[in-house]
Amino acid sequence: MSLSLEEVRHVARLARIELTDADAAATQAKLNGIFALIEEMQAVDTTGVEPMSHPQDLATRLRADAATEADRRDAFQRVAPQTENGLYLVPKVIE
């Protein structure tokens, strides 16, 4: 697939991007290069290849899921302007 210069100008107009003739030609070349690369990648036979979540086989370093801060909910609730049943009450902004 390749884009014509008119199609590039149409896409630019839809995106509200102003392109000079030189910019449109350069953009056309870049986009057509991208489409050529996509076509080349789609031509590769991937039968039997397992999908990967990451291009490198790395183990994710995770820290322990443990609380590191003290529970200060009651202190925060005491200084809040309005609370009810453990929830903060705020003014209605959308009707």
Protein backbone atom coordinates (compact mmCIF):
# COMPACT_ATOMS: atom_id res chain seq x y z
CA MET A 1 0.00 0.00 0.00
CA SER A 2 1.23 3.46 -0.77
CA LEU A 3 -0.38 6.84 -0.37
CA SER A 4 -0.73 9.37 -3.14
CA LEU A 5 0.17 13.00 -2.54
CA GLU A 6 -3.54 13.86 -2.62
CA GLU A 7 -4.26 11.29 0.12
CA VAL A 8 -1.47 12.74 2.28
CA ARG A 9 -2.94 16.22 1.86
CA HIS A 10 -6.40 14.86 2.72
CA VAL A 11 -5.14 13.21 5.92
CA ALA A 12 -3.30 16.41 6.85
CA ARG A 13 -6.47 18.42 6.27
CA LEU A 14 -8.46 16.01 8.49
CA ALA A 15 -5.81 16.36 11.20
CA ARG A 16 -5.88 20.14 10.79
CA ILE A 17 -2.19 20.18 9.83
CA GLU A 18 -1.01 22.66 7.25
CA LEU A 19 1.58 21.17 4.89
CA THR A 20 3.62 22.91 2.24
CA ASP A 21 4.23 21.04 -1.01
CA ALA A 22 7.72 20.08 0.16
CA ASP A 23 6.39 18.90 3.54
CA ALA A 24 3.66 16.89 1.84
CA ALA A 25 6.17 15.15 -0.41
CA ALA A 26 8.49 14.39 2.53
CA THR A 27 5.56 13.11 4.59
CA GLN A 28 4.40 10.94 1.69
CA ALA A 29 7.87 9.36 1.43
CA LYS A 30 8.00 8.68 5.18
CA LEU A 31 4.49 7.22 5.34
CA ASN A 32 5.08 5.04 2.30
CA GLY A 33 8.29 3.78 3.93
CA ILE A 34 6.33 2.87 7.05
CA PHE A 35 3.67 1.06 4.99
CA ALA A 36 6.38 -0.84 3.10
CA LEU A 37 7.90 -1.97 6.39
CA ILE A 38 4.49 -3.10 7.64
CA GLU A 39 3.89 -5.11 4.46
CA GLU A 40 7.32 -6.70 4.82
CA MET A 41 6.61 -7.68 8.43
CA GLN A 42 3.17 -9.09 7.51
CA ALA A 43 4.82 -11.33 4.91
CA VAL A 44 6.81 -13.18 7.60
CA ASP A 45 5.43 -16.61 8.51
CA THR A 46 4.78 -16.60 12.26
CA THR A 47 3.08 -19.97 12.49
CA GLY A 48 3.97 -21.62 15.79
CA VAL A 49 5.54 -18.50 17.29
CA GLU A 50 4.24 -17.77 20.79
CA PRO A 51 3.24 -14.17 21.53
CA MET A 52 5.58 -12.33 23.88
CA SER A 53 4.73 -9.65 26.40
CA HIS A 54 8.24 -8.20 26.09
CA PRO A 55 10.92 -8.53 23.41
CA GLN A 56 13.45 -9.71 25.97
CA ASP A 57 12.96 -12.65 28.31
CA LEU A 58 13.37 -10.76 31.58
CA ALA A 59 11.94 -11.36 35.00
CA THR A 60 10.10 -8.39 36.42
CA ARG A 61 11.55 -7.16 39.67
CA LEU A 62 8.69 -6.61 42.07
CA ARG A 63 8.79 -5.42 45.62
CA ALA A 64 6.70 -7.02 48.32
CA ASP A 65 3.15 -5.71 48.45
CA ALA A 66 3.25 -4.46 52.01
CA ALA A 67 1.96 -1.30 53.65
CA THR A 68 4.83 1.06 54.38
CA GLU A 69 2.86 3.95 55.84
CA ALA A 70 0.87 3.99 59.05
CA ASP A 71 -2.94 4.06 58.76
CA ARG A 72 -3.83 7.73 59.35
CA ARG A 73 -7.36 7.61 57.97
CA ASP A 74 -9.01 8.60 61.25
CA ALA A 75 -6.71 11.61 61.64
CA PHE A 76 -7.48 12.77 58.11
CA GLN A 77 -11.21 12.26 58.62
CA ARG A 78 -11.15 14.37 61.79
CA VAL A 79 -9.71 17.42 60.00
CA ALA A 80 -11.90 17.09 56.88
CA PRO A 81 -14.68 19.68 56.53
CA GLN A 82 -17.44 17.05 56.10
CA THR A 83 -17.45 13.27 56.32
CA GLU A 84 -20.14 10.64 56.55
CA ASN A 85 -19.69 6.89 57.11
CA GLY A 86 -15.97 7.17 56.42
CA LEU A 87 -16.43 9.08 53.16
CA TYR A 88 -15.46 12.66 52.34
CA LEU A 89 -18.43 14.84 51.38
CA VAL A 90 -17.81 17.39 48.64
CA PRO A 91 -20.05 20.01 47.03
CA LYS A 92 -22.03 18.96 43.98
CA VAL A 93 -20.43 20.44 40.85
CA ILE A 94 -22.46 18.81 38.06
CA GLU A 95 -26.22 18.93 37.99
